[in-house]
Structures are given as structure tokens and as C-alpha cells.
PDB file of N, CA and C in Angstrom:
ATOM      1  N   MET A   1       0.822  -1.186   0.000  1.00  0.00           N
ATOM      2  CA  MET A   1       0.000   0.000   0.000  1.00  0.00           C
ATOM      3  C   MET A   1       0.871   1.256   0.000  1.00  0.00           C
ATOM      4  N   LYS A   2       1.967   1.249   0.805  1.00  0.00           N
ATOM      5  CA  LYS A   2       2.859   2.401   0.849  1.00  0.00           C
ATOM      6  C   LYS A   2       3.501   2.636  -0.503  1.00  0.00           C
ATOM      7  N   ASP A   3       3.828   1.550  -1.203  1.00  0.00           N
ATOM      8  CA  ASP A   3       4.438   1.694  -2.523  1.00  0.00           C
ATOM      9  C   ASP A   3       3.469   2.339  -3.511  1.00  0.00           C
ATOM     10  N   GLU A   4       2.186   1.959  -3.426  1.00  0.00           N
ATOM     11  CA  GLU A   4       1.180   2.525  -4.327  1.00  0.00           C
ATOM     12  C   GLU A   4       0.969   4.012  -4.033  1.00  0.00           C
ATOM     13  N   VAL A   5       0.908   4.377  -2.754  1.00  0.00           N
ATOM     14  CA  VAL A   5       0.746   5.786  -2.373  1.00  0.00           C
ATOM     15  C   VAL A   5       1.965   6.582  -2.822  1.00  0.00           C
ATOM     16  N   GLY A   6       3.141   6.014  -2.637  1.00  0.00           N
ATOM     17  CA  GLY A   6       4.365   6.680  -3.078  1.00  0.00           C
ATOM     18  C   GLY A   6       4.387   6.873  -4.581  1.00  0.00           C
ATOM     19  N   LEU A   7       3.913   5.858  -5.320  1.00  0.00           N
ATOM     20  CA  LEU A   7       3.855   5.945  -6.781  1.00  0.00           C
ATOM     21  C   LEU A   7       2.883   7.044  -7.213  1.00  0.00           C
ATOM     22  N   VAL A   8       1.705   7.065  -6.571  1.00  0.00           N
ATOM     23  CA  VAL A   8       0.703   8.089  -6.895  1.00  0.00           C
ATOM     24  C   VAL A   8       1.246   9.479  -6.564  1.00  0.00           C
ATOM     25  N   MET A   9       1.877   9.610  -5.410  1.00  0.00           N
ATOM     26  CA  MET A   9       2.432  10.908  -5.017  1.00  0.00           C
ATOM     27  C   MET A   9       3.531  11.362  -5.978  1.00  0.00           C
ATOM     28  N   SER A  10       4.359  10.443  -6.432  1.00  0.00           N
ATOM     29  CA  SER A  10       5.409  10.823  -7.383  1.00  0.00           C
ATOM     30  C   SER A  10       4.810  11.233  -8.722  1.00  0.00           C
ATOM     31  N   ARG A  11       3.728  10.556  -9.130  1.00  0.00           N
ATOM     32  CA  ARG A  11       3.045  10.943 -10.381  1.00  0.00           C
ATOM     33  C   ARG A  11       2.401  12.326 -10.251  1.00  0.00           C
ATOM     34  N   VAL A  12       1.776  12.574  -9.112  1.00  0.00           N
ATOM     35  CA  VAL A  12       1.156  13.884  -8.876  1.00  0.00           C
ATOM     36  C   VAL A  12       2.227  14.973  -8.886  1.00  0.00           C
ATOM     37  N   ALA A  13       3.345  14.717  -8.222  1.00  0.00           N
ATOM     38  CA  ALA A  13       4.439  15.693  -8.201  1.00  0.00           C
ATOM     39  C   ALA A  13       4.969  15.941  -9.604  1.00  0.00           C
ATOM     40  N   SER A  14       5.042  14.888 -10.407  1.00  0.00           N
ATOM     41  CA  SER A  14       5.500  15.024 -11.791  1.00  0.00           C
ATOM     42  C   SER A  14       4.532  15.877 -12.600  1.00  0.00           C
ATOM     43  N   CYS A  15       3.223  15.640 -12.406  1.00  0.00           N
ATOM     44  CA  CYS A  15       2.211  16.429 -13.122  1.00  0.00           C
ATOM     45  C   CYS A  15       2.262  17.898 -12.703  1.00  0.00           C
ATOM     46  N   VAL A  16       2.447  18.152 -11.416  1.00  0.00           N
ATOM     47  CA  VAL A  16       2.522  19.533 -10.926  1.00  0.00           C
ATOM     48  C   VAL A  16       3.737  20.230 -11.521  1.00  0.00           C
ATOM     49  N   ALA A  17       4.867  19.533 -11.565  1.00  0.00           N
ATOM     50  CA  ALA A  17       6.075  20.118 -12.153  1.00  0.00           C
ATOM     51  C   ALA A  17       5.860  20.401 -13.630  1.00  0.00           C
ATOM     52  N   THR A  18       5.202  19.480 -14.337  1.00  0.00           N
ATOM     53  CA  THR A  18       4.918  19.668 -15.757  1.00  0.00           C
ATOM     54  C   THR A  18       3.973  20.849 -15.961  1.00  0.00           C
ATOM     55  N   ALA A  19       2.944  20.965 -15.113  1.00  0.00           N
ATOM     56  CA  ALA A  19       2.005  22.083 -15.219  1.00  0.00           C
ATOM     57  C   ALA A  19       2.718  23.409 -14.979  1.00  0.00           C
ATOM     58  N   ALA A  20       3.620  23.441 -14.018  1.00  0.00           N
ATOM     59  CA  ALA A  20       4.373  24.673 -13.746  1.00  0.00           C
ATOM     60  C   ALA A  20       5.259  25.030 -14.928  1.00  0.00           C
ATOM     61  N   ASP A  21       5.889  24.025 -15.534  1.00  0.00           N
ATOM     62  CA  ASP A  21       6.710  24.278 -16.720  1.00  0.00           C
ATOM     63  C   ASP A  21       5.859  24.813 -17.861  1.00  0.00           C
ATOM     64  N   CYS A  22       4.674  24.226 -18.047  1.00  0.00           N
ATOM     65  CA  CYS A  22       3.769  24.696 -19.104  1.00  0.00           C
ATOM     66  C   CYS A  22       3.332  26.131 -18.836  1.00  0.00           C
ATOM     67  N   ARG A  23       3.018  26.430 -17.586  1.00  0.00           N
ATOM     68  CA  ARG A  23       2.596  27.780 -17.222  1.00  0.00           C
ATOM     69  C   ARG A  23       3.711  28.777 -17.515  1.00  0.00           C
ATOM     70  N   ASN A  24       4.935  28.417 -17.168  1.00  0.00           N
ATOM     71  CA  ASN A  24       6.077  29.297 -17.444  1.00  0.00           C
ATOM     72  C   ASN A  24       6.265  29.493 -18.941  1.00  0.00           C
ATOM     73  N   THR A  25       6.109  28.424 -19.701  1.00  0.00           N
ATOM     74  CA  THR A  25       6.241  28.514 -21.154  1.00  0.00           C
ATOM     75  C   THR A  25       5.169  29.426 -21.733  1.00  0.00           C
ATOM     76  N   ILE A  26       3.945  29.288 -21.248  1.00  0.00           N
ATOM     77  CA  ILE A  26       2.848  30.131 -21.736  1.00  0.00           C
ATOM     78  C   ILE A  26       3.117  31.595 -21.407  1.00  0.00           C
ATOM     79  N   VAL A  27       3.591  31.870 -20.221  1.00  0.00           N
ATOM     80  CA  VAL A  27       3.910  33.252 -19.833  1.00  0.00           C
ATOM     81  C   VAL A  27       4.990  33.819 -20.744  1.00  0.00           C
ATOM     82  N   ILE A  28       6.006  33.034 -21.023  1.00  0.00           N
ATOM     83  CA  ILE A  28       7.088  33.490 -21.908  1.00  0.00           C
ATOM     84  C   ILE A  28       6.550  33.786 -23.299  1.00  0.00           C
ATOM     85  N   ILE A  29       5.680  32.928 -23.816  1.00  0.00           N
ATOM     86  CA  ILE A  29       5.104  33.138 -25.152  1.00  0.00           C
ATOM     87  C   ILE A  29       4.254  34.404 -25.170  1.00  0.00           C
ATOM     88  N   VAL A  30       3.426  34.599 -24.160  1.00  0.00           N
ATOM     89  CA  VAL A  30       2.575  35.796 -24.096  1.00  0.00           C
ATOM     90  C   VAL A  30       3.427  37.058 -24.026  1.00  0.00           C
ATOM     91  N   VAL A  31       4.458  37.044 -23.209  1.00  0.00           N
ATOM     92  CA  VAL A  31       5.348  38.207 -23.099  1.00  0.00           C
ATOM     93  C   VAL A  31       6.038  38.477 -24.430  1.00  0.00           C
ATOM     94  N   PHE A  32       6.492  37.427 -25.104  1.00  0.00           N
ATOM     95  CA  PHE A  32       7.145  37.584 -26.405  1.00  0.00           C
ATOM     96  C   PHE A  32       6.224  38.274 -27.402  1.00  0.00           C
ATOM     97  N   PHE A  33       4.973  37.786 -27.513  1.00  0.00           N
ATOM     98  CA  PHE A  33       4.054  38.380 -28.479  1.00  0.00           C
ATOM     99  C   PHE A  33       3.627  39.787 -28.071  1.00  0.00           C
ATOM    100  N   ALA A  34       3.540  40.068 -26.791  1.00  0.00           N
ATOM    101  CA  ALA A  34       3.218  41.425 -26.343  1.00  0.00           C
ATOM    102  C   ALA A  34       4.335  42.393 -26.721  1.00  0.00           C
ATOM    103  N   ILE A  35       5.579  41.977 -26.521  1.00  0.00           N
ATOM    104  CA  ILE A  35       6.719  42.818 -26.901  1.00  0.00           C
ATOM    105  C   ILE A  35       6.750  43.011 -28.409  1.00  0.00           C
ATOM    106  N   ARG A  36       6.480  41.951 -29.148  1.00  0.00           N
ATOM    107  CA  ARG A  36       6.466  42.033 -30.619  1.00  0.00           C
ATOM    108  C   ARG A  36       5.389  43.010 -31.093  1.00  0.00           C
ATOM    109  N   LEU A  37       4.198  42.936 -30.498  1.00  0.00           N
ATOM    110  CA  LEU A  37       3.115  43.842 -30.866  1.00  0.00           C
ATOM    111  C   LEU A  37       3.479  45.286 -30.543  1.00  0.00           C
ATOM    112  N   CYS A  38       4.048  45.522 -29.379  1.00  0.00           N
ATOM    113  CA  CYS A  38       4.472  46.884 -29.011  1.00  0.00           C
ATOM    114  C   CYS A  38       5.522  47.416 -29.980  1.00  0.00           C
ATOM    115  N   ALA A  39       6.454  46.561 -30.380  1.00  0.00           N
ATOM    116  CA  ALA A  39       7.488  46.981 -31.331  1.00  0.00           C
ATOM    117  C   ALA A  39       6.873  47.341 -32.673  1.00  0.00           C
ATOM    118  N   LYS A  40       5.899  46.550 -33.138  1.00  0.00           N
ATOM    119  CA  LYS A  40       5.232  46.856 -34.409  1.00  0.00           C
ATOM    120  C   LYS A  40       4.499  48.185 -34.331  1.00  0.00           C
ATOM    121  N   LEU A  41       3.760  48.388 -33.242  1.00  0.00           N
ATOM    122  CA  LEU A  41       3.012  49.633 -33.100  1.00  0.00           C
ATOM    123  C   LEU A  41       3.948  50.830 -33.016  1.00  0.00           C
ATOM    124  N   PHE A  42       5.054  50.698 -32.295  1.00  0.00           N
ATOM    125  CA  PHE A  42       6.040  51.767 -32.207  1.00  0.00           C
ATOM    126  C   PHE A  42       6.622  52.052 -33.583  1.00  0.00           C
ATOM    127  N   TRP A  43       6.973  51.001 -34.322  1.00  0.00           N
ATOM    128  CA  TRP A  43       7.551  51.171 -35.651  1.00  0.00           C
ATOM    129  C   TRP A  43       6.562  51.860 -36.570  1.00  0.00           C
ATOM    130  N   ARG A  44       5.314  51.417 -36.567  1.00  0.00           N
ATOM    131  CA  ARG A  44       4.303  52.014 -37.440  1.00  0.00           C
ATOM    132  C   ARG A  44       4.125  53.494 -37.142  1.00  0.00           C
ATOM    133  N   LYS A  45       4.023  53.809 -35.868  1.00  0.00           N
ATOM    134  CA  LYS A  45       3.773  55.198 -35.488  1.00  0.00           C
ATOM    135  C   LYS A  45       4.953  56.090 -35.829  1.00  0.00           C
ATOM    136  N   ASN A  46       6.164  55.571 -35.732  1.00  0.00           N
ATOM    137  CA  ASN A  46       7.349  56.387 -35.944  1.00  0.00           C
ATOM    138  C   ASN A  46       7.941  56.292 -37.343  1.00  0.00           C
ATOM    139  N   HIS A  47       7.420  55.428 -38.188  1.00  0.00           N
ATOM    140  CA  HIS A  47       7.967  55.270 -39.529  1.00  0.00           C
ATOM    141  C   HIS A  47       6.939  55.506 -40.626  1.00  0.00           C
ATOM    142  N   MET A  48       5.806  56.084 -40.290  1.00  0.00           N
ATOM    143  CA  MET A  48       4.838  56.493 -41.294  1.00  0.00           C
ATOM    144  C   MET A  48       4.884  58.008 -41.358  1.00  0.00           C
ATOM    145  N   PRO A  49       5.155  58.535 -42.523  1.00  0.00           N
ATOM    146  CA  PRO A  49       5.237  59.990 -42.610  1.00  0.00           C
ATOM    147  C   PRO A  49       3.890  60.653 -42.320  1.00  0.00           C
ATOM    148  N   SER A  50       3.940  61.743 -41.617  1.00  0.00           N
ATOM    149  CA  SER A  50       2.737  62.537 -41.402  1.00  0.00           C
ATOM    150  C   SER A  50       3.029  63.956 -41.875  1.00  0.00           C
ATOM    151  N   PHE A  51       1.969  64.664 -42.184  1.00  0.00           N
ATOM    152  CA  PHE A  51       2.128  66.029 -42.680  1.00  0.00           C
ATOM    153  C   PHE A  51       0.900  66.834 -42.289  1.00  0.00           C
ATOM    154  N   THR A  52       1.052  68.133 -42.308  1.00  0.00           N
ATOM    155  CA  THR A  52      -0.065  69.027 -42.037  1.00  0.00           C
ATOM    156  C   THR A  52      -0.771  69.303 -43.352  1.00  0.00           C
ATOM    157  N   PHE A  53      -2.056  68.997 -43.398  1.00  0.00           N
ATOM    158  CA  PHE A  53      -2.835  69.155 -44.625  1.00  0.00           C
ATOM    159  C   PHE A  53      -3.064  70.633 -44.929  1.00  0.00           C
ATOM    160  N   ARG A  54      -2.819  70.999 -46.176  1.00  0.00           N
ATOM    161  CA  ARG A  54      -3.102  72.338 -46.686  1.00  0.00           C
ATOM    162  C   ARG A  54      -3.884  72.181 -47.982  1.00  0.00           C
ATOM    163  N   GLN A  55      -5.124  72.647 -47.986  1.00  0.00           N
ATOM    164  CA  GLN A  55      -6.002  72.505 -49.147  1.00  0.00           C
ATOM    165  C   GLN A  55      -5.395  73.144 -50.391  1.00  0.00           C
ATOM    166  N   LYS A  56      -4.743  74.286 -50.242  1.00  0.00           N
ATOM    167  CA  LYS A  56      -4.215  74.998 -51.410  1.00  0.00           C
ATOM    168  C   LYS A  56      -3.087  74.232 -52.095  1.00  0.00           C
ATOM    169  N   HIS A  57      -2.434  73.306 -51.378  1.00  0.00           N
ATOM    170  CA  HIS A  57      -1.350  72.526 -51.971  1.00  0.00           C
ATOM    171  C   HIS A  57      -1.813  71.169 -52.486  1.00  0.00           C
ATOM    172  N   TYR A  58      -3.084  70.855 -52.301  1.00  0.00           N
ATOM    173  CA  TYR A  58      -3.584  69.533 -52.686  1.00  0.00           C
ATOM    174  C   TYR A  58      -4.122  69.586 -54.115  1.00  0.00           C
ATOM    175  N   PRO A  59      -3.585  68.761 -55.022  1.00  0.00           N
ATOM    176  CA  PRO A  59      -4.047  68.805 -56.410  1.00  0.00           C
ATOM    177  C   PRO A  59      -5.463  68.269 -56.558  1.00  0.00           C
ATOM    178  N   GLY A  60      -6.188  68.833 -57.514  1.00  0.00           N
ATOM    179  CA  GLY A  60      -7.532  68.357 -57.818  1.00  0.00           C
ATOM    180  C   GLY A  60      -7.497  67.103 -58.662  1.00  0.00           C
ATOM    181  N   LYS A  61      -8.632  66.749 -59.265  1.00  0.00           N
ATOM    182  CA  LYS A  61      -8.743  65.523 -60.057  1.00  0.00           C
ATOM    183  C   LYS A  61      -7.796  65.521 -61.251  1.00  0.00           C
ATOM    184  N   ASN A  62      -7.612  66.675 -61.875  1.00  0.00           N
ATOM    185  CA  ASN A  62      -6.799  66.755 -63.092  1.00  0.00           C
ATOM    186  C   ASN A  62      -5.333  67.037 -62.803  1.00  0.00           C
ATOM    187  N   GLY A  63      -4.951  67.061 -61.533  1.00  0.00           N
ATOM    188  CA  GLY A  63      -3.564  67.327 -61.181  1.00  0.00           C
ATOM    189  C   GLY A  63      -3.255  68.800 -61.052  1.00  0.00           C
ATOM    190  N   ASP A  64      -4.228  69.659 -61.349  1.00  0.00           N
ATOM    191  CA  ASP A  64      -3.981  71.095 -61.218  1.00  0.00           C
ATOM    192  C   ASP A  64      -4.335  71.548 -59.804  1.00  0.00           C
ATOM    193  N   ARG A  65      -3.947  72.738 -59.477  1.00  0.00           N
ATOM    194  CA  ARG A  65      -4.244  73.275 -58.153  1.00  0.00           C
ATOM    195  C   ARG A  65      -5.287  74.387 -58.281  1.00  0.00           C
ATOM    196  N   SER A  66      -6.324  74.096 -59.011  1.00  0.00           N
ATOM    197  CA  SER A  66      -7.375  75.090 -59.217  1.00  0.00           C
ATOM    198  C   SER A  66      -8.330  75.096 -58.025  1.00  0.00           C
ATOM    199  N   SER A  67      -9.378  75.875 -58.115  1.00  0.00           N
ATOM    200  CA  SER A  67     -10.294  76.031 -56.985  1.00  0.00           C
ATOM    201  C   SER A  67     -11.249  74.849 -56.822  1.00  0.00           C
ATOM    202  N   ASP A  68     -11.335  73.970 -57.825  1.00  0.00           N
ATOM    203  CA  ASP A  68     -12.267  72.838 -57.718  1.00  0.00           C
ATOM    204  C   ASP A  68     -11.562  71.591 -57.171  1.00  0.00           C
ATOM    205  N   HIS A  69     -10.851  71.763 -56.074  1.00  0.00           N
ATOM    206  CA  HIS A  69     -10.111  70.657 -55.457  1.00  0.00           C
ATOM    207  C   HIS A  69     -11.087  69.601 -54.958  1.00  0.00           C
ATOM    208  N   GLU A  70     -10.659  68.374 -55.036  1.00  0.00           N
ATOM    209  CA  GLU A  70     -11.413  67.294 -54.403  1.00  0.00           C
ATOM    210  C   GLU A  70     -10.755  67.045 -53.053  1.00  0.00           C
ATOM    211  N   THR A  71     -11.399  67.454 -51.991  1.00  0.00           N
ATOM    212  CA  THR A  71     -10.819  67.336 -50.658  1.00  0.00           C
ATOM    213  C   THR A  71     -10.766  65.872 -50.247  1.00  0.00           C
ATOM    214  N   PRO A  72      -9.604  65.401 -49.797  1.00  0.00           N
ATOM    215  CA  PRO A  72      -9.526  64.009 -49.348  1.00  0.00           C
ATOM    216  C   PRO A  72     -10.297  63.820 -48.044  1.00  0.00           C
ATOM    217  N   TYR A  73     -10.783  62.610 -47.859  1.00  0.00           N
ATOM    218  CA  TYR A  73     -11.444  62.309 -46.599  1.00  0.00           C
ATOM    219  C   TYR A  73     -10.872  61.025 -46.023  1.00  0.00           C
ATOM    220  N   CYS A  74     -10.974  60.917 -44.737  1.00  0.00           N
ATOM    221  CA  CYS A  74     -10.448  59.771 -43.997  1.00  0.00           C
ATOM    222  C   CYS A  74     -11.516  58.678 -44.000  1.00  0.00           C
ATOM    223  N   VAL A  75     -11.190  57.499 -44.538  1.00  0.00           N
ATOM    224  CA  VAL A  75     -12.179  56.420 -44.584  1.00  0.00           C
ATOM    225  C   VAL A  75     -12.365  55.741 -43.229  1.00  0.00           C
ATOM    226  N   VAL A  76     -11.536  56.082 -42.255  1.00  0.00           N
ATOM    227  CA  VAL A  76     -11.718  55.516 -40.913  1.00  0.00           C
ATOM    228  C   VAL A  76     -12.844  56.258 -40.197  1.00  0.00           C
ATOM    229  N   CYS A  77     -12.786  57.595 -40.196  1.00  0.00           N
ATOM    230  CA  CYS A  77     -13.813  58.384 -39.498  1.00  0.00           C
ATOM    231  C   CYS A  77     -14.846  58.983 -40.454  1.00  0.00           C
ATOM    232  N   LEU A  78     -14.588  58.909 -41.756  1.00  0.00           N
ATOM    233  CA  LEU A  78     -15.472  59.420 -42.812  1.00  0.00           C
ATOM    234  C   LEU A  78     -15.655  60.936 -42.768  1.00  0.00           C
ATOM    235  N   HIS A  79     -14.629  61.653 -42.304  1.00  0.00           N
ATOM    236  CA  HIS A  79     -14.641  63.118 -42.319  1.00  0.00           C
ATOM    237  C   HIS A  79     -13.605  63.621 -43.316  1.00  0.00           C
ATOM    238  N   GLU A  80     -13.924  64.756 -43.945  1.00  0.00           N
ATOM    239  CA  GLU A  80     -12.969  65.371 -44.865  1.00  0.00           C
ATOM    240  C   GLU A  80     -11.793  65.955 -44.098  1.00  0.00           C
ATOM    241  N   ALA A  81     -10.675  66.013 -44.777  1.00  0.00           N
ATOM    242  CA  ALA A  81      -9.495  66.657 -44.194  1.00  0.00           C
ATOM    243  C   ALA A  81      -9.721  68.166 -44.182  1.00  0.00           C
ATOM    244  N   VAL A  82      -9.291  68.797 -43.113  1.00  0.00           N
ATOM    245  CA  VAL A  82      -9.440  70.239 -42.934  1.00  0.00           C
ATOM    246  C   VAL A  82      -8.048  70.839 -42.816  1.00  0.00           C
ATOM    247  N   ASP A  83      -7.879  72.057 -43.320  1.00  0.00           N
ATOM    248  CA  ASP A  83      -6.581  72.730 -43.214  1.00  0.00           C
ATOM    249  C   ASP A  83      -6.046  72.668 -41.787  1.00  0.00           C
ATOM    250  N   GLY A  84      -4.780  72.318 -41.676  1.00  0.00           N
ATOM    251  CA  GLY A  84      -4.114  72.287 -40.381  1.00  0.00           C
ATOM    252  C   GLY A  84      -4.143  70.938 -39.682  1.00  0.00           C
ATOM    253  N   GLU A  85      -4.928  69.975 -40.177  1.00  0.00           N
ATOM    254  CA  GLU A  85      -4.976  68.653 -39.538  1.00  0.00           C
ATOM    255  C   GLU A  85      -3.751  67.830 -39.916  1.00  0.00           C
ATOM    256  N   ARG A  86      -3.346  66.945 -39.008  1.00  0.00           N
ATOM    257  CA  ARG A  86      -2.230  66.026 -39.276  1.00  0.00           C
ATOM    258  C   ARG A  86      -2.781  64.814 -40.004  1.00  0.00           C
ATOM    259  N   LEU A  87      -2.220  64.551 -41.184  1.00  0.00           N
ATOM    260  CA  LEU A  87      -2.561  63.354 -41.951  1.00  0.00           C
ATOM    261  C   LEU A  87      -1.338  62.457 -41.984  1.00  0.00           C
ATOM    262  N   ARG A  88      -1.579  61.182 -42.166  1.00  0.00           N
ATOM    263  CA  ARG A  88      -0.493  60.213 -42.247  1.00  0.00           C
ATOM    264  C   ARG A  88      -0.650  59.444 -43.553  1.00  0.00           C
ATOM    265  N   ARG A  89       0.477  59.285 -44.268  1.00  0.00           N
ATOM    266  CA  ARG A  89       0.471  58.579 -45.552  1.00  0.00           C
ATOM    267  C   ARG A  89       1.118  57.208 -45.361  1.00  0.00           C
ATOM    268  N   LEU A  90       0.418  56.159 -45.821  1.00  0.00           N
ATOM    269  CA  LEU A  90       0.981  54.810 -45.757  1.00  0.00           C
ATOM    270  C   LEU A  90       1.989  54.647 -46.881  1.00  0.00           C
ATOM    271  N   LEU A  91       3.127  54.070 -46.572  1.00  0.00           N
ATOM    272  CA  LEU A  91       4.224  53.990 -47.538  1.00  0.00           C
ATOM    273  C   LEU A  91       3.940  53.028 -48.686  1.00  0.00           C
ATOM    274  N   LYS A  92       3.311  51.896 -48.413  1.00  0.00           N
ATOM    275  CA  LYS A  92       3.091  50.898 -49.461  1.00  0.00           C
ATOM    276  C   LYS A  92       2.079  51.351 -50.503  1.00  0.00           C
ATOM    277  N   CYS A  93       0.952  51.889 -50.046  1.00  0.00           N
ATOM    278  CA  CYS A  93      -0.149  52.178 -50.967  1.00  0.00           C
ATOM    279  C   CYS A  93      -0.387  53.670 -51.190  1.00  0.00           C
ATOM    280  N   GLU A  94       0.293  54.521 -50.434  1.00  0.00           N
ATOM    281  CA  GLU A  94       0.181  55.977 -50.568  1.00  0.00           C
ATOM    282  C   GLU A  94      -1.181  56.534 -50.131  1.00  0.00           C
ATOM    283  N   HIS A  95      -2.010  55.764 -49.436  1.00  0.00           N
ATOM    284  CA  HIS A  95      -3.287  56.279 -48.949  1.00  0.00           C
ATOM    285  C   HIS A  95      -3.054  57.156 -47.725  1.00  0.00           C
ATOM    286  N   CYS A  96      -3.900  58.189 -47.587  1.00  0.00           N
ATOM    287  CA  CYS A  96      -3.773  59.142 -46.481  1.00  0.00           C
ATOM    288  C   CYS A  96      -4.987  59.063 -45.562  1.00  0.00           C
ATOM    289  N   PHE A  97      -4.727  59.245 -44.272  1.00  0.00           N
ATOM    290  CA  PHE A  97      -5.766  59.225 -43.249  1.00  0.00           C
ATOM    291  C   PHE A  97      -5.391  60.233 -42.173  1.00  0.00           C
ATOM    292  N   HIS A  98      -6.360  60.604 -41.337  1.00  0.00           N
ATOM    293  CA  HIS A  98      -6.013  61.394 -40.159  1.00  0.00           C
ATOM    294  C   HIS A  98      -5.020  60.572 -39.348  1.00  0.00           C
ATOM    295  N   ALA A  99      -3.991  61.215 -38.827  1.00  0.00           N
ATOM    296  CA  ALA A  99      -2.945  60.498 -38.085  1.00  0.00           C
ATOM    297  C   ALA A  99      -3.533  59.751 -36.890  1.00  0.00           C
ATOM    298  N   ALA A 100      -4.400  60.394 -36.130  1.00  0.00           N
ATOM    299  CA  ALA A 100      -4.991  59.739 -34.955  1.00  0.00           C
ATOM    300  C   ALA A 100      -5.878  58.567 -35.363  1.00  0.00           C
ATOM    301  N   CYS A 101      -6.592  58.708 -36.478  1.00  0.00           N
ATOM    302  CA  CYS A 101      -7.489  57.637 -36.934  1.00  0.00           C
ATOM    303  C   CYS A 101      -6.710  56.399 -37.361  1.00  0.00           C
ATOM    304  N   ILE A 102      -5.662  56.580 -38.160  1.00  0.00           N
ATOM    305  CA  ILE A 102      -4.914  55.419 -38.647  1.00  0.00           C
ATOM    306  C   ILE A 102      -4.101  54.790 -37.525  1.00  0.00           C
ATOM    307  N   ASP A 103      -3.624  55.591 -36.576  1.00  0.00           N
ATOM    308  CA  ASP A 103      -2.919  55.023 -35.425  1.00  0.00           C
ATOM    309  C   ASP A 103      -3.861  54.132 -34.614  1.00  0.00           C
ATOM    310  N   ALA A 104      -5.096  54.601 -34.409  1.00  0.00           N
ATOM    311  CA  ALA A 104      -6.085  53.790 -33.684  1.00  0.00           C
ATOM    312  C   ALA A 104      -6.460  52.545 -34.488  1.00  0.00           C
ATOM    313  N   TRP A 105      -6.587  52.693 -35.813  1.00  0.00           N
ATOM    314  CA  TRP A 105      -6.920  51.558 -36.683  1.00  0.00           C
ATOM    315  C   TRP A 105      -5.876  50.459 -36.552  1.00  0.00           C
ATOM    316  N   PHE A 106      -4.604  50.843 -36.574  1.00  0.00           N
ATOM    317  CA  PHE A 106      -3.532  49.846 -36.519  1.00  0.00           C
ATOM    318  C   PHE A 106      -3.413  49.174 -35.152  1.00  0.00           C
ATOM    319  N   GLN A 107      -4.106  49.672 -34.154  1.00  0.00           N
ATOM    320  CA  GLN A 107      -4.123  48.985 -32.864  1.00  0.00           C
ATOM    321  C   GLN A 107      -4.796  47.619 -32.990  1.00  0.00           C
ATOM    322  N   SER A 108      -5.748  47.498 -33.939  1.00  0.00           N
ATOM    323  CA  SER A 108      -6.488  46.238 -34.053  1.00  0.00           C
ATOM    324  C   SER A 108      -6.510  45.644 -35.454  1.00  0.00           C
ATOM    325  N   HIS A 109      -5.911  46.311 -36.434  1.00  0.00           N
ATOM    326  CA  HIS A 109      -5.908  45.802 -37.807  1.00  0.00           C
ATOM    327  C   HIS A 109      -4.511  45.932 -38.406  1.00  0.00           C
ATOM    328  N   PRO A 110      -4.028  44.917 -39.125  1.00  0.00           N
ATOM    329  CA  PRO A 110      -2.695  45.004 -39.737  1.00  0.00           C
ATOM    330  C   PRO A 110      -2.726  45.485 -41.189  1.00  0.00           C
ATOM    331  N   THR A 111      -3.886  45.940 -41.663  1.00  0.00           N
ATOM    332  CA  THR A 111      -4.042  46.276 -43.076  1.00  0.00           C
ATOM    333  C   THR A 111      -4.471  47.724 -43.269  1.00  0.00           C
ATOM    334  N   CYS A 112      -4.281  48.205 -44.497  1.00  0.00           N
ATOM    335  CA  CYS A 112      -4.793  49.520 -44.881  1.00  0.00           C
ATOM    336  C   CYS A 112      -6.322  49.444 -44.885  1.00  0.00           C
ATOM    337  N   PRO A 113      -7.020  50.417 -44.293  1.00  0.00           N
ATOM    338  CA  PRO A 113      -8.481  50.360 -44.269  1.00  0.00           C
ATOM    339  C   PRO A 113      -9.118  50.557 -45.639  1.00  0.00           C
ATOM    340  N   LEU A 114      -8.374  51.059 -46.594  1.00  0.00           N
ATOM    341  CA  LEU A 114      -8.942  51.317 -47.910  1.00  0.00           C
ATOM    342  C   LEU A 114      -8.716  50.161 -48.877  1.00  0.00           C
ATOM    343  N   CYS A 115      -7.477  49.716 -49.015  1.00  0.00           N
ATOM    344  CA  CYS A 115      -7.164  48.672 -50.006  1.00  0.00           C
ATOM    345  C   CYS A 115      -6.883  47.307 -49.384  1.00  0.00           C
ATOM    346  N   ARG A 116      -6.799  47.237 -48.068  1.00  0.00           N
ATOM    347  CA  ARG A 116      -6.575  45.990 -47.315  1.00  0.00           C
ATOM    348  C   ARG A 116      -5.211  45.351 -47.547  1.00  0.00           C
ATOM    349  N   ASN A 117      -4.259  46.102 -48.082  1.00  0.00           N
ATOM    350  CA  ASN A 117      -2.893  45.583 -48.196  1.00  0.00           C
ATOM    351  C   ASN A 117      -2.299  45.437 -46.807  1.00  0.00           C
ATOM    352  N   GLN A 118      -1.527  44.366 -46.616  1.00  0.00           N
ATOM    353  CA  GLN A 118      -0.837  44.166 -45.344  1.00  0.00           C
ATOM    354  C   GLN A 118       0.164  45.295 -45.158  1.00  0.00           C
ATOM    355  N   PHE A 119       0.163  45.879 -43.968  1.00  0.00           N
ATOM    356  CA  PHE A 119       1.084  46.978 -43.749  1.00  0.00           C
ATOM    357  C   PHE A 119       2.486  46.491 -43.465  1.00  0.00           C
ATOM    358  N   LEU A 120       2.622  45.427 -42.692  1.00  0.00           N
ATOM    359  CA  LEU A 120       3.949  44.871 -42.411  1.00  0.00           C
ATOM    360  C   LEU A 120       4.056  43.489 -42.971  1.00  0.00           C
TER     361      LEU A 120
END
């Protein structure tokens, strides 16, 4: 009987040690992906050019800078760009959005909201 109890206790101890190892492995994996996500978000925010929108410098449909400009709008918030707002241009597809809108978008999506190209 003592041998059976000892065997059961050694098996339980082995399972507990294995569970602790698994828990540690899971924590390491979660930390790794959290750091990776933070690095991606930092890179996106700091490596996407932004600029102050000026209507007078924005070309119209025909490429001219006449008075019939087609004002760009942000497809994230669906508002037109206004003079003085910060816009951000995606490098791959050249689409522009409000800087705050696209930064918030990239918190939960890895793609351009307009063409769905992968950003990274």
C-alpha cells in the first residue's frame, strides 16, 4: 500500500512540475508576443510619414491646383481633411488618413483600411 501511495504521489508531483513548466512557457510566449506587438506599433507610429494638410497645396482631379479641389477624406472616421490637420500617408499604398485615426486603426488591424494591403 505504501508503494502505491508513493507511486501516486510521485506521479502527482511530476504532473505539478509539468504544469508549472507549461505555465512558465505560456507566460514566456505571451510576453514575447506582447513585446512584438508593441514593437510593431512603435515602428508604425514612428515610420509612417505625417504632414499638415493644406487645401491649397492639394491637387484636384486633373492634377492642377485650381479652386475645384477634391478634398480628401479619412475612410476611418469618414470626415474630410481640414486645413491644419495632421494626416499620415501609408508607404506601401500611398493612402492618407487622419494620423490619430490610422494610429487607432492599426491597434487592431494590420491592413490599410482602404485597399486591405498588409502593412507589415
